[in-house]
Amino acid sequence: SDLTVEFVTVTLSIPDADDQENLNIQLKHADGDLFSVSQLAAPHELYLGGLDYHDWPFNSVVHWGERMEGVWSLEVLDENNHFVDTDDWSWDLDIYYHDLV
Protein backbone atom coordinates (compact mmCIF):
# COMPACT_ATOMS: atom_id res chain seq x y z
CA SER A 1 0.00 0.00 0.00
CA ASP A 2 1.09 3.57 -0.63
CA LEU A 3 -0.59 5.17 2.40
CA THR A 4 1.83 7.70 3.90
CA VAL A 5 1.47 9.24 7.37
CA GLU A 6 1.10 13.00 7.71
CA PHE A 7 0.44 13.17 11.46
CA VAL A 8 -1.10 11.13 14.27
CA THR A 9 -3.39 11.88 17.18
CA VAL A 10 -3.51 9.69 20.29
CA THR A 11 -6.56 10.30 22.47
CA LEU A 12 -5.83 9.01 25.96
CA SER A 13 -7.95 8.51 29.08
CA ILE A 14 -6.28 7.67 32.38
CA PRO A 15 -8.65 7.11 35.31
CA ASP A 16 -7.36 8.33 38.68
CA ALA A 17 -3.92 9.35 37.45
CA ASP A 18 -2.49 10.62 40.73
CA ASP A 19 1.09 10.75 39.44
CA GLN A 20 0.52 11.89 35.87
CA GLU A 21 3.35 14.43 36.18
CA ASN A 22 5.72 11.44 36.50
CA LEU A 23 4.62 9.67 33.31
CA ASN A 24 6.69 9.13 30.20
CA ILE A 25 4.28 8.33 27.35
CA GLN A 26 5.60 7.23 23.96
CA LEU A 27 3.94 6.16 20.72
CA LYS A 28 6.04 3.59 18.88
CA HIS A 29 5.81 2.51 15.26
CA ALA A 30 7.60 -0.53 13.84
CA ASP A 31 7.43 -1.33 10.13
CA GLY A 32 10.03 -3.82 8.97
CA ASP A 33 13.46 -2.27 9.60
CA LEU A 34 11.94 1.12 10.45
CA PHE A 35 11.38 1.99 14.11
CA SER A 36 10.32 5.44 15.32
CA VAL A 37 9.15 6.96 18.60
CA SER A 38 6.98 9.98 19.43
CA GLN A 39 7.46 11.45 22.91
CA LEU A 40 3.88 12.38 23.82
CA ALA A 41 4.43 13.26 27.49
CA ALA A 42 7.49 13.42 29.74
CA PRO A 43 7.94 13.72 33.51
CA HIS A 44 7.75 17.37 34.54
CA GLU A 45 7.84 19.56 37.64
CA LEU A 46 4.84 21.76 36.89
CA TYR A 47 1.63 20.04 37.94
CA LEU A 48 -1.44 22.01 38.86
CA GLY A 49 -3.36 19.07 40.34
CA GLY A 50 -6.88 18.06 39.49
CA LEU A 51 -6.15 17.90 35.77
CA ASP A 52 -6.78 14.37 34.57
CA TYR A 53 -6.09 12.86 31.18
CA HIS A 54 -9.68 12.26 30.03
CA ASP A 55 -9.96 12.05 26.23
CA TRP A 56 -6.74 14.06 26.13
CA PRO A 57 -5.40 14.51 22.57
CA PHE A 58 -1.68 14.21 21.90
CA ASN A 59 -0.54 15.10 18.38
CA SER A 60 2.71 14.21 16.65
CA VAL A 61 4.34 14.74 13.27
CA VAL A 62 7.36 12.55 14.10
CA HIS A 63 5.96 9.82 11.83
CA TRP A 64 5.57 12.15 8.81
CA GLY A 65 6.40 10.31 5.59
CA GLU A 66 6.33 6.82 7.14
CA ARG A 67 4.19 4.06 5.68
CA MET A 68 0.99 3.60 7.67
CA GLU A 69 1.45 -0.20 7.86
CA GLY A 70 3.23 -1.85 10.76
CA VAL A 71 2.72 -2.15 14.48
CA TRP A 72 1.70 0.92 16.50
CA SER A 73 1.98 0.69 20.30
CA LEU A 74 1.76 2.95 23.32
CA GLU A 75 4.39 2.61 26.05
CA VAL A 76 4.03 4.22 29.45
CA LEU A 77 6.84 4.39 32.01
CA ASP A 78 7.11 6.18 35.35
CA GLU A 79 9.95 8.58 36.25
CA ASN A 80 12.12 5.59 37.21
CA ASN A 81 11.54 3.95 33.79
CA HIS A 82 9.33 1.20 35.22
CA PHE A 83 6.41 0.03 33.11
CA VAL A 84 3.04 1.38 34.30
CA ASP A 85 -0.04 -0.85 34.44
CA THR A 86 -2.38 0.53 31.79
CA ASP A 87 -5.15 -2.09 31.97
CA ASP A 88 -7.77 0.49 33.04
CA TRP A 89 -6.72 3.06 30.46
CA SER A 90 -8.19 3.64 27.05
CA TRP A 91 -6.54 5.11 24.00
CA ASP A 92 -7.36 5.64 20.36
CA LEU A 93 -4.98 6.23 17.50
CA ASP A 94 -6.03 8.33 14.53
CA ILE A 95 -3.60 8.33 11.63
CA TYR A 96 -3.95 11.13 9.10
CA TYR A 97 -2.44 10.12 5.79
CA HIS A 98 -2.40 10.56 2.05
CA ASP A 99 -2.26 8.05 -0.76
CA LEU A 100 0.75 8.37 -3.03
CA VAL A 101 -1.09 6.81 -5.96
PDB file of N, CA and C in Angstrom:
ATOM      1  N   SER A   1       0.833  -1.195   0.000  1.00  0.00           N
ATOM      2  CA  SER A   1       0.000   0.000   0.000  1.00  0.00           C
ATOM      3  C   SER A   1       0.871   1.249   0.000  1.00  0.00           C
ATOM      4  N   ASP A   2       0.347   2.323  -0.553  1.00  0.00           N
ATOM      5  CA  ASP A   2       1.088   3.573  -0.626  1.00  0.00           C
ATOM      6  C   ASP A   2       0.518   4.637   0.303  1.00  0.00           C
ATOM      7  N   LEU A   3      -0.045   4.221   1.440  1.00  0.00           N
ATOM      8  CA  LEU A   3      -0.590   5.174   2.398  1.00  0.00           C
ATOM      9  C   LEU A   3       0.545   5.711   3.254  1.00  0.00           C
ATOM     10  N   THR A   4       0.710   7.043   3.232  1.00  0.00           N
ATOM     11  CA  THR A   4       1.831   7.695   3.903  1.00  0.00           C
ATOM     12  C   THR A   4       1.316   8.614   5.011  1.00  0.00           C
ATOM     13  N   VAL A   5       1.901   8.482   6.193  1.00  0.00           N
ATOM     14  CA  VAL A   5       1.468   9.241   7.367  1.00  0.00           C
ATOM     15  C   VAL A   5       1.803  10.723   7.211  1.00  0.00           C
ATOM     16  N   GLU A   6       0.854  11.565   7.590  1.00  0.00           N
ATOM     17  CA  GLU A   6       1.098  12.999   7.709  1.00  0.00           C
ATOM     18  C   GLU A   6       1.276  13.367   9.182  1.00  0.00           C
ATOM     19  N   PHE A   7       0.295  12.991  10.014  1.00  0.00           N
ATOM     20  CA  PHE A   7       0.437  13.165  11.463  1.00  0.00           C
ATOM     21  C   PHE A   7      -0.489  12.194  12.170  1.00  0.00           C
ATOM     22  N   VAL A   8      -0.282  12.042  13.466  1.00  0.00           N
ATOM     23  CA  VAL A   8      -1.102  11.132  14.266  1.00  0.00           C
ATOM     24  C   VAL A   8      -1.654  11.869  15.473  1.00  0.00           C
ATOM     25  N   THR A   9      -2.795  11.399  15.938  1.00  0.00           N
ATOM     26  CA  THR A   9      -3.390  11.879  17.183  1.00  0.00           C
ATOM     27  C   THR A   9      -3.689  10.676  18.061  1.00  0.00           C
ATOM     28  N   VAL A  10      -3.183  10.705  19.278  1.00  0.00           N
ATOM     29  CA  VAL A  10      -3.506   9.695  20.286  1.00  0.00           C
ATOM     30  C   VAL A  10      -4.426  10.360  21.292  1.00  0.00           C
ATOM     31  N   THR A  11      -5.620   9.801  21.474  1.00  0.00           N
ATOM     32  CA  THR A  11      -6.558  10.303  22.471  1.00  0.00           C
ATOM     33  C   THR A  11      -6.513   9.331  23.644  1.00  0.00           C
ATOM     34  N   LEU A  12      -6.138   9.849  24.811  1.00  0.00           N
ATOM     35  CA  LEU A  12      -5.825   9.012  25.964  1.00  0.00           C
ATOM     36  C   LEU A  12      -6.716   9.367  27.153  1.00  0.00           C
ATOM     37  N   SER A  13      -7.209   8.324  27.825  1.00  0.00           N
ATOM     38  CA  SER A  13      -7.951   8.508  29.076  1.00  0.00           C
ATOM     39  C   SER A  13      -7.286   7.663  30.155  1.00  0.00           C
ATOM     40  N   ILE A  14      -6.917   8.330  31.253  1.00  0.00           N
ATOM     41  CA  ILE A  14      -6.283   7.667  32.379  1.00  0.00           C
ATOM     42  C   ILE A  14      -7.144   7.918  33.614  1.00  0.00           C
ATOM     43  N   PRO A  15      -7.841   6.894  34.108  1.00  0.00           N
ATOM     44  CA  PRO A  15      -8.648   7.108  35.314  1.00  0.00           C
ATOM     45  C   PRO A  15      -7.756   7.213  36.550  1.00  0.00           C
ATOM     46  N   ASP A  16      -8.061   8.163  37.395  1.00  0.00           N
ATOM     47  CA  ASP A  16      -7.363   8.326  38.676  1.00  0.00           C
ATOM     48  C   ASP A  16      -5.847   8.368  38.529  1.00  0.00           C
ATOM     49  N   ALA A  17      -5.360   9.229  37.662  1.00  0.00           N
ATOM     50  CA  ALA A  17      -3.916   9.352  37.450  1.00  0.00           C
ATOM     51  C   ALA A  17      -3.331  10.309  38.480  1.00  0.00           C
ATOM     52  N   ASP A  18      -3.015   9.784  39.658  1.00  0.00           N
ATOM     53  CA  ASP A  18      -2.486  10.616  40.729  1.00  0.00           C
ATOM     54  C   ASP A  18      -1.091  11.146  40.420  1.00  0.00           C
ATOM     55  N   ASP A  19      -0.300  10.376  39.709  1.00  0.00           N
ATOM     56  CA  ASP A  19       1.090  10.754  39.439  1.00  0.00           C
ATOM     57  C   ASP A  19       1.327  11.038  37.970  1.00  0.00           C
ATOM     58  N   GLN A  20       0.370  11.682  37.301  1.00  0.00           N
ATOM     59  CA  GLN A  20       0.519  11.893  35.866  1.00  0.00           C
ATOM     60  C   GLN A  20       1.706  12.782  35.525  1.00  0.00           C
ATOM     61  N   GLU A  21       2.179  13.592  36.469  1.00  0.00           N
ATOM     62  CA  GLU A  21       3.353  14.425  36.184  1.00  0.00           C
ATOM     63  C   GLU A  21       4.628  13.587  36.114  1.00  0.00           C
ATOM     64  N   ASN A  22       4.556  12.325  36.522  1.00  0.00           N
ATOM     65  CA  ASN A  22       5.716  11.436  36.496  1.00  0.00           C
ATOM     66  C   ASN A  22       5.687  10.455  35.333  1.00  0.00           C
ATOM     67  N   LEU A  23       4.757  10.626  34.394  1.00  0.00           N
ATOM     68  CA  LEU A  23       4.616   9.665  33.313  1.00  0.00           C
ATOM     69  C   LEU A  23       5.436  10.037  32.085  1.00  0.00           C
ATOM     70  N   ASN A  24       5.983   9.015  31.474  1.00  0.00           N
ATOM     71  CA  ASN A  24       6.687   9.132  30.201  1.00  0.00           C
ATOM     72  C   ASN A  24       5.871   8.313  29.209  1.00  0.00           C
ATOM     73  N   ILE A  25       5.192   8.992  28.273  1.00  0.00           N
ATOM     74  CA  ILE A  25       4.275   8.333  27.348  1.00  0.00           C
ATOM     75  C   ILE A  25       4.853   8.437  25.942  1.00  0.00           C
ATOM     76  N   GLN A  26       5.010   7.275  25.294  1.00  0.00           N
ATOM     77  CA  GLN A  26       5.598   7.227  23.964  1.00  0.00           C
ATOM     78  C   GLN A  26       4.726   6.409  23.022  1.00  0.00           C
ATOM     79  N   LEU A  27       4.573   6.910  21.800  1.00  0.00           N
ATOM     80  CA  LEU A  27       3.938   6.158  20.725  1.00  0.00           C
ATOM     81  C   LEU A  27       5.049   5.578  19.874  1.00  0.00           C
ATOM     82  N   LYS A  28       5.000   4.263  19.650  1.00  0.00           N
ATOM     83  CA  LYS A  28       6.041   3.586  18.881  1.00  0.00           C
ATOM     84  C   LYS A  28       5.438   2.990  17.616  1.00  0.00           C
ATOM     85  N   HIS A  29       6.229   3.069  16.542  1.00  0.00           N
ATOM     86  CA  HIS A  29       5.806   2.514  15.257  1.00  0.00           C
ATOM     87  C   HIS A  29       6.932   1.660  14.702  1.00  0.00           C
ATOM     88  N   ALA A  30       6.629   0.396  14.439  1.00  0.00           N
ATOM     89  CA  ALA A  30       7.604  -0.526  13.844  1.00  0.00           C
ATOM     90  C   ALA A  30       7.032  -1.027  12.524  1.00  0.00           C
ATOM     91  N   ASP A  31       7.832  -0.889  11.468  1.00  0.00           N
ATOM     92  CA  ASP A  31       7.432  -1.329  10.133  1.00  0.00           C
ATOM     93  C   ASP A  31       8.671  -1.888   9.443  1.00  0.00           C
ATOM     94  N   GLY A  32       8.837  -3.197   9.539  1.00  0.00           N
ATOM     95  CA  GLY A  32      10.034  -3.817   8.971  1.00  0.00           C
ATOM     96  C   GLY A  32      11.272  -3.340   9.709  1.00  0.00           C
ATOM     97  N   ASP A  33      12.226  -2.770   8.991  1.00  0.00           N
ATOM     98  CA  ASP A  33      13.463  -2.269   9.595  1.00  0.00           C
ATOM     99  C   ASP A  33      13.298  -0.876  10.204  1.00  0.00           C
ATOM    100  N   LEU A  34      12.185  -0.231   9.941  1.00  0.00           N
ATOM    101  CA  LEU A  34      11.941   1.121  10.451  1.00  0.00           C
ATOM    102  C   LEU A  34      11.375   1.057  11.859  1.00  0.00           C
ATOM    103  N   PHE A  35      11.909   1.877  12.752  1.00  0.00           N
ATOM    104  CA  PHE A  35      11.384   1.992  14.111  1.00  0.00           C
ATOM    105  C   PHE A  35      11.452   3.456  14.509  1.00  0.00           C
ATOM    106  N   SER A  36      10.328   4.029  14.921  1.00  0.00           N
ATOM    107  CA  SER A  36      10.316   5.435  15.317  1.00  0.00           C
ATOM    108  C   SER A  36       9.499   5.609  16.596  1.00  0.00           C
ATOM    109  N   VAL A  37       9.785   6.700  17.312  1.00  0.00           N
ATOM    110  CA  VAL A  37       9.155   6.963  18.604  1.00  0.00           C
ATOM    111  C   VAL A  37       8.718   8.421  18.681  1.00  0.00           C
ATOM    112  N   SER A  38       7.481   8.639  19.112  1.00  0.00           N
ATOM    113  CA  SER A  38       6.978   9.980  19.433  1.00  0.00           C
ATOM    114  C   SER A  38       6.923  10.117  20.943  1.00  0.00           C
ATOM    115  N   GLN A  39       7.541  11.140  21.477  1.00  0.00           N
ATOM    116  CA  GLN A  39       7.465  11.445  22.906  1.00  0.00           C
ATOM    117  C   GLN A  39       6.207  12.278  23.111  1.00  0.00           C
ATOM    118  N   LEU A  40       5.143  11.673  23.650  1.00  0.00           N
ATOM    119  CA  LEU A  40       3.876  12.377  23.819  1.00  0.00           C
ATOM    120  C   LEU A  40       3.807  13.146  25.134  1.00  0.00           C
ATOM    121  N   ALA A  41       4.399  12.602  26.181  1.00  0.00           N
ATOM    122  CA  ALA A  41       4.435  13.264  27.491  1.00  0.00           C
ATOM    123  C   ALA A  41       5.697  12.814  28.200  1.00  0.00           C
ATOM    124  N   ALA A  42       6.267  13.714  28.986  1.00  0.00           N
ATOM    125  CA  ALA A  42       7.487  13.422  29.739  1.00  0.00           C
ATOM    126  C   ALA A  42       7.305  13.884  31.175  1.00  0.00           C
ATOM    127  N   PRO A  43       8.023  13.257  32.118  1.00  0.00           N
ATOM    128  CA  PRO A  43       7.945  13.722  33.509  1.00  0.00           C
ATOM    129  C   PRO A  43       8.283  15.216  33.588  1.00  0.00           C
ATOM    130  N   HIS A  44       7.548  15.914  34.435  1.00  0.00           N
ATOM    131  CA  HIS A  44       7.751  17.367  34.542  1.00  0.00           C
ATOM    132  C   HIS A  44       7.479  17.831  35.966  1.00  0.00           C
ATOM    133  N   GLU A  45       7.990  18.984  36.294  1.00  0.00           N
ATOM    134  CA  GLU A  45       7.845  19.555  37.636  1.00  0.00           C
ATOM    135  C   GLU A  45       6.515  20.277  37.823  1.00  0.00           C
ATOM    136  N   LEU A  46       6.046  20.942  36.773  1.00  0.00           N
ATOM    137  CA  LEU A  46       4.842  21.758  36.886  1.00  0.00           C
ATOM    138  C   LEU A  46       3.603  20.878  36.807  1.00  0.00           C
ATOM    139  N   TYR A  47       2.883  20.783  37.909  1.00  0.00           N
ATOM    140  CA  TYR A  47       1.635  20.039  37.940  1.00  0.00           C
ATOM    141  C   TYR A  47       0.655  20.833  38.774  1.00  0.00           C
ATOM    142  N   LEU A  48      -0.468  21.165  38.187  1.00  0.00           N
ATOM    143  CA  LEU A  48      -1.440  22.013  38.862  1.00  0.00           C
ATOM    144  C   LEU A  48      -2.426  21.227  39.701  1.00  0.00           C
ATOM    145  N   GLY A  49      -2.434  19.902  39.568  1.00  0.00           N
ATOM    146  CA  GLY A  49      -3.363  19.074  40.341  1.00  0.00           C
ATOM    147  C   GLY A  49      -4.774  19.165  39.798  1.00  0.00           C
ATOM    148  N   GLY A  50      -5.491  18.072  39.911  1.00  0.00           N
ATOM    149  CA  GLY A  50      -6.882  18.058  39.493  1.00  0.00           C
ATOM    150  C   GLY A  50      -7.089  17.993  37.989  1.00  0.00           C
ATOM    151  N   LEU A  51      -6.032  17.986  37.222  1.00  0.00           N
ATOM    152  CA  LEU A  51      -6.155  17.897  35.773  1.00  0.00           C
ATOM    153  C   LEU A  51      -5.883  16.454  35.356  1.00  0.00           C
ATOM    154  N   ASP A  52      -6.926  15.759  34.969  1.00  0.00           N
ATOM    155  CA  ASP A  52      -6.776  14.369  34.575  1.00  0.00           C
ATOM    156  C   ASP A  52      -6.703  14.256  33.060  1.00  0.00           C
ATOM    157  N   TYR A  53      -6.081  13.185  32.602  1.00  0.00           N
ATOM    158  CA  TYR A  53      -6.089  12.862  31.182  1.00  0.00           C
ATOM    159  C   TYR A  53      -7.392  12.132  30.883  1.00  0.00           C
ATOM    160  N   HIS A  54      -8.409  12.853  30.442  1.00  0.00           N
ATOM    161  CA  HIS A  54      -9.676  12.263  30.035  1.00  0.00           C
ATOM    162  C   HIS A  54      -9.936  12.698  28.598  1.00  0.00           C
ATOM    163  N   ASP A  55      -9.853  11.744  27.667  1.00  0.00           N
ATOM    164  CA  ASP A  55      -9.964  12.054  26.234  1.00  0.00           C
ATOM    165  C   ASP A  55      -8.988  13.165  25.847  1.00  0.00           C
ATOM    166  N   TRP A  56      -7.776  13.046  26.356  1.00  0.00           N
ATOM    167  CA  TRP A  56      -6.742  14.057  26.133  1.00  0.00           C
ATOM    168  C   TRP A  56      -6.047  13.773  24.805  1.00  0.00           C
ATOM    169  N   PRO A  57      -6.049  14.746  23.870  1.00  0.00           N
ATOM    170  CA  PRO A  57      -5.403  14.508  22.575  1.00  0.00           C
ATOM    171  C   PRO A  57      -3.915  14.876  22.597  1.00  0.00           C
ATOM    172  N   PHE A  58      -3.106  13.966  22.126  1.00  0.00           N
ATOM    173  CA  PHE A  58      -1.679  14.212  21.900  1.00  0.00           C
ATOM    174  C   PHE A  58      -1.454  14.115  20.392  1.00  0.00           C
ATOM    175  N   ASN A  59      -0.806  15.098  19.815  1.00  0.00           N
ATOM    176  CA  ASN A  59      -0.538  15.102  18.378  1.00  0.00           C
ATOM    177  C   ASN A  59       0.953  14.979  18.129  1.00  0.00           C
ATOM    178  N   SER A  60       1.297  14.351  17.005  1.00  0.00           N
ATOM    179  CA  SER A  60       2.705  14.209  16.653  1.00  0.00           C
ATOM    180  C   SER A  60       2.883  14.182  15.137  1.00  0.00           C
ATOM    181  N   VAL A  61       3.955  14.813  14.676  1.00  0.00           N
ATOM    182  CA  VAL A  61       4.341  14.743  13.270  1.00  0.00           C
ATOM    183  C   VAL A  61       5.645  13.960  13.098  1.00  0.00           C
ATOM    184  N   VAL A  62       6.110  13.316  14.161  1.00  0.00           N
ATOM    185  CA  VAL A  62       7.358  12.545  14.096  1.00  0.00           C
ATOM    186  C   VAL A  62       7.280  11.473  13.009  1.00  0.00           C
ATOM    187  N   HIS A  63       6.108  10.934  12.769  1.00  0.00           N
ATOM    188  CA  HIS A  63       5.962   9.820  11.829  1.00  0.00           C
ATOM    189  C   HIS A  63       5.673  10.281  10.397  1.00  0.00           C
ATOM    190  N   TRP A  64       5.806  11.578  10.138  1.00  0.00           N
ATOM    191  CA  TRP A  64       5.567  12.153   8.814  1.00  0.00           C
ATOM    192  C   TRP A  64       6.383  11.385   7.765  1.00  0.00           C
ATOM    193  N   GLY A  65       5.726  10.971   6.708  1.00  0.00           N
ATOM    194  CA  GLY A  65       6.404  10.310   5.594  1.00  0.00           C
ATOM    195  C   GLY A  65       6.576   8.809   5.764  1.00  0.00           C
ATOM    196  N   GLU A  66       6.241   8.262   6.937  1.00  0.00           N
ATOM    197  CA  GLU A  66       6.334   6.819   7.137  1.00  0.00           C
ATOM    198  C   GLU A  66       5.139   6.126   6.490  1.00  0.00           C
ATOM    199  N   ARG A  67       5.322   4.863   6.148  1.00  0.00           N
ATOM    200  CA  ARG A  67       4.191   4.063   5.679  1.00  0.00           C
ATOM    201  C   ARG A  67       3.263   3.815   6.861  1.00  0.00           C
ATOM    202  N   MET A  68       1.967   3.772   6.592  1.00  0.00           N
ATOM    203  CA  MET A  68       0.993   3.600   7.668  1.00  0.00           C
ATOM    204  C   MET A  68       1.005   2.174   8.231  1.00  0.00           C
ATOM    205  N   GLU A  69       1.441   1.194   7.435  1.00  0.00           N
ATOM    206  CA  GLU A  69       1.454  -0.195   7.861  1.00  0.00           C
ATOM    207  C   GLU A  69       2.435  -0.382   9.017  1.00  0.00           C
ATOM    208  N   GLY A  70       2.325  -1.522   9.657  1.00  0.00           N
ATOM    209  CA  GLY A  70       3.234  -1.846  10.755  1.00  0.00           C
ATOM    210  C   GLY A  70       2.496  -1.924  12.076  1.00  0.00           C
ATOM    211  N   VAL A  71       3.270  -2.012  13.135  1.00  0.00           N
ATOM    212  CA  VAL A  71       2.723  -2.151  14.481  1.00  0.00           C
ATOM    213  C   VAL A  71       2.854  -0.813  15.214  1.00  0.00           C
ATOM    214  N   TRP A  72       1.743  -0.307  15.707  1.00  0.00           N
ATOM    215  CA  TRP A  72       1.702   0.919  16.499  1.00  0.00           C
ATOM    216  C   TRP A  72       1.416   0.515  17.941  1.00  0.00           C
ATOM    217  N   SER A  73       2.194   1.034  18.889  1.00  0.00           N
ATOM    218  CA  SER A  73       1.984   0.686  20.297  1.00  0.00           C
ATOM    219  C   SER A  73       2.222   1.911  21.178  1.00  0.00           C
ATOM    220  N   LEU A  74       1.593   1.890  22.340  1.00  0.00           N
ATOM    221  CA  LEU A  74       1.759   2.952  23.322  1.00  0.00           C
ATOM    222  C   LEU A  74       2.518   2.378  24.504  1.00  0.00           C
ATOM    223  N   GLU A  75       3.592   3.054  24.905  1.00  0.00           N
ATOM    224  CA  GLU A  75       4.387   2.605  26.046  1.00  0.00           C
ATOM    225  C   GLU A  75       4.362   3.688  27.111  1.00  0.00           C
ATOM    226  N   VAL A  76       4.107   3.280  28.338  1.00  0.00           N
ATOM    227  CA  VAL A  76       4.033   4.217  29.454  1.00  0.00           C
ATOM    228  C   VAL A  76       4.982   3.755  30.550  1.00  0.00           C
ATOM    229  N   LEU A  77       5.884   4.653  30.945  1.00  0.00           N
ATOM    230  CA  LEU A  77       6.845   4.388  32.014  1.00  0.00           C
ATOM    231  C   LEU A  77       6.685   5.459  33.076  1.00  0.00           C
ATOM    232  N   ASP A  78       7.085   5.145  34.316  1.00  0.00           N
ATOM    233  CA  ASP A  78       7.114   6.182  35.347  1.00  0.00           C
ATOM    234  C   ASP A  78       8.480   6.873  35.324  1.00  0.00           C
ATOM    235  N   GLU A  79       8.701   7.799  36.255  1.00  0.00           N
ATOM    236  CA  GLU A  79       9.949   8.580  36.247  1.00  0.00           C
ATOM    237  C   GLU A  79      11.187   7.724  36.482  1.00  0.00           C
ATOM    238  N   ASN A  80      10.998   6.502  36.998  1.00  0.00           N
ATOM    239  CA  ASN A  80      12.123   5.588  37.211  1.00  0.00           C
ATOM    240  C   ASN A  80      12.245   4.567  36.081  1.00  0.00           C
ATOM    241  N   ASN A  81      11.536   4.821  34.967  1.00  0.00           N
ATOM    242  CA  ASN A  81      11.540   3.955  33.787  1.00  0.00           C
ATOM    243  C   ASN A  81      11.008   2.552  34.062  1.00  0.00           C
ATOM    244  N   HIS A  82      10.041   2.444  34.986  1.00  0.00           N
ATOM    245  CA  HIS A  82       9.332   1.196  35.218  1.00  0.00           C
ATOM    246  C   HIS A  82       8.035   1.227  34.415  1.00  0.00           C
ATOM    247  N   PHE A  83       7.664   0.093  33.857  1.00  0.00           N
ATOM    248  CA  PHE A  83       6.412   0.031  33.114  1.00  0.00           C
ATOM    249  C   PHE A  83       5.236   0.301  34.053  1.00  0.00           C
ATOM    250  N   VAL A  84       4.240   1.018  33.544  1.00  0.00           N
ATOM    251  CA  VAL A  84       3.044   1.377  34.301  1.00  0.00           C
ATOM    252  C   VAL A  84       1.898   0.490  33.828  1.00  0.00           C
ATOM    253  N   ASP A  85       1.117  -0.029  34.775  1.00  0.00           N
ATOM    254  CA  ASP A  85      -0.039  -0.854  34.445  1.00  0.00           C
ATOM    255  C   ASP A  85      -1.098   0.016  33.782  1.00  0.00           C
ATOM    256  N   THR A  86      -1.425  -0.287  32.547  1.00  0.00           N
ATOM    257  CA  THR A  86      -2.376   0.525  31.790  1.00  0.00           C
ATOM    258  C   THR A  86      -3.676  -0.220  31.490  1.00  0.00           C
ATOM    259  N   ASP A  87      -3.964  -1.274  32.252  1.00  0.00           N
ATOM    260  CA  ASP A  87      -5.150  -2.089  31.973  1.00  0.00           C
ATOM    261  C   ASP A  87      -6.454  -1.302  32.030  1.00  0.00           C
ATOM    262  N   ASP A  88      -6.541  -0.288  32.894  1.00  0.00           N
ATOM    263  CA  ASP A  88      -7.770   0.491  33.037  1.00  0.00           C
ATOM    264  C   ASP A  88      -7.808   1.714  32.121  1.00  0.00           C
ATOM    265  N   TRP A  89      -6.800   1.892  31.330  1.00  0.00           N
ATOM    266  CA  TRP A  89      -6.715   3.056  30.457  1.00  0.00           C
ATOM    267  C   TRP A  89      -7.366   2.754  29.116  1.00  0.00           C
ATOM    268  N   SER A  90      -7.723   3.809  28.421  1.00  0.00           N
ATOM    269  CA  SER A  90      -8.187   3.640  27.046  1.00  0.00           C
ATOM    270  C   SER A  90      -7.446   4.634  26.164  1.00  0.00           C
ATOM    271  N   TRP A  91      -7.184   4.211  24.943  1.00  0.00           N
ATOM    272  CA  TRP A  91      -6.539   5.114  23.999  1.00  0.00           C
ATOM    273  C   TRP A  91      -6.954   4.762  22.582  1.00  0.00           C
ATOM    274  N   ASP A  92      -7.024   5.783  21.777  1.00  0.00           N
ATOM    275  CA  ASP A  92      -7.364   5.639  20.364  1.00  0.00           C
ATOM    276  C   ASP A  92      -6.258   6.290  19.549  1.00  0.00           C
ATOM    277  N   LEU A  93      -5.978   5.698  18.420  1.00  0.00           N
ATOM    278  CA  LEU A  93      -4.976   6.227  17.504  1.00  0.00           C
ATOM    279  C   LEU A  93      -5.662   6.605  16.206  1.00  0.00           C
ATOM    280  N   ASP A  94      -5.547   7.865  15.826  1.00  0.00           N
ATOM    281  CA  ASP A  94      -6.029   8.335  14.531  1.00  0.00           C
ATOM    282  C   ASP A  94      -4.805   8.687  13.698  1.00  0.00           C
ATOM    283  N   ILE A  95      -4.721   8.078  12.531  1.00  0.00           N
ATOM    284  CA  ILE A  95      -3.601   8.331  11.628  1.00  0.00           C
ATOM    285  C   ILE A  95      -4.130   9.122  10.438  1.00  0.00           C
ATOM    286  N   TYR A  96      -3.576  10.285  10.226  1.00  0.00           N
ATOM    287  CA  TYR A  96      -3.945  11.133   9.102  1.00  0.00           C
ATOM    288  C   TYR A  96      -2.896  10.888   8.022  1.00  0.00           C
ATOM    289  N   TYR A  97      -3.347  10.598   6.833  1.00  0.00           N
ATOM    290  CA  TYR A  97      -2.440  10.118   5.793  1.00  0.00           C
ATOM    291  C   TYR A  97      -2.882  10.616   4.420  1.00  0.00           C
ATOM    292  N   HIS A  98      -2.036  10.358   3.457  1.00  0.00           N
ATOM    293  CA  HIS A  98      -2.400  10.563   2.049  1.00  0.00           C
ATOM    294  C   HIS A  98      -1.946   9.347   1.250  1.00  0.00           C
ATOM    295  N   ASP A  99      -2.575   9.170   0.128  1.00  0.00           N
ATOM    296  CA  ASP A  99      -2.259   8.046  -0.757  1.00  0.00           C
ATOM    297  C   ASP A  99      -1.352   8.558  -1.865  1.00  0.00           C
ATOM    298  N   LEU A 100      -0.214   7.918  -2.034  1.00  0.00           N
ATOM    299  CA  LEU A 100       0.753   8.368  -3.026  1.00  0.00           C
ATOM    300  C   LEU A 100       0.352   8.036  -4.462  1.00  0.00           C
ATOM    301  N   VAL A 101      -0.678   7.206  -4.610  1.00  0.00           N
ATOM    302  CA  VAL A 101      -1.095   6.814  -5.958  1.00  0.00           C
ATOM    303  C   VAL A 101      -1.970   7.864  -6.564  1.00  0.00           C
TER     304      VAL A 101
END
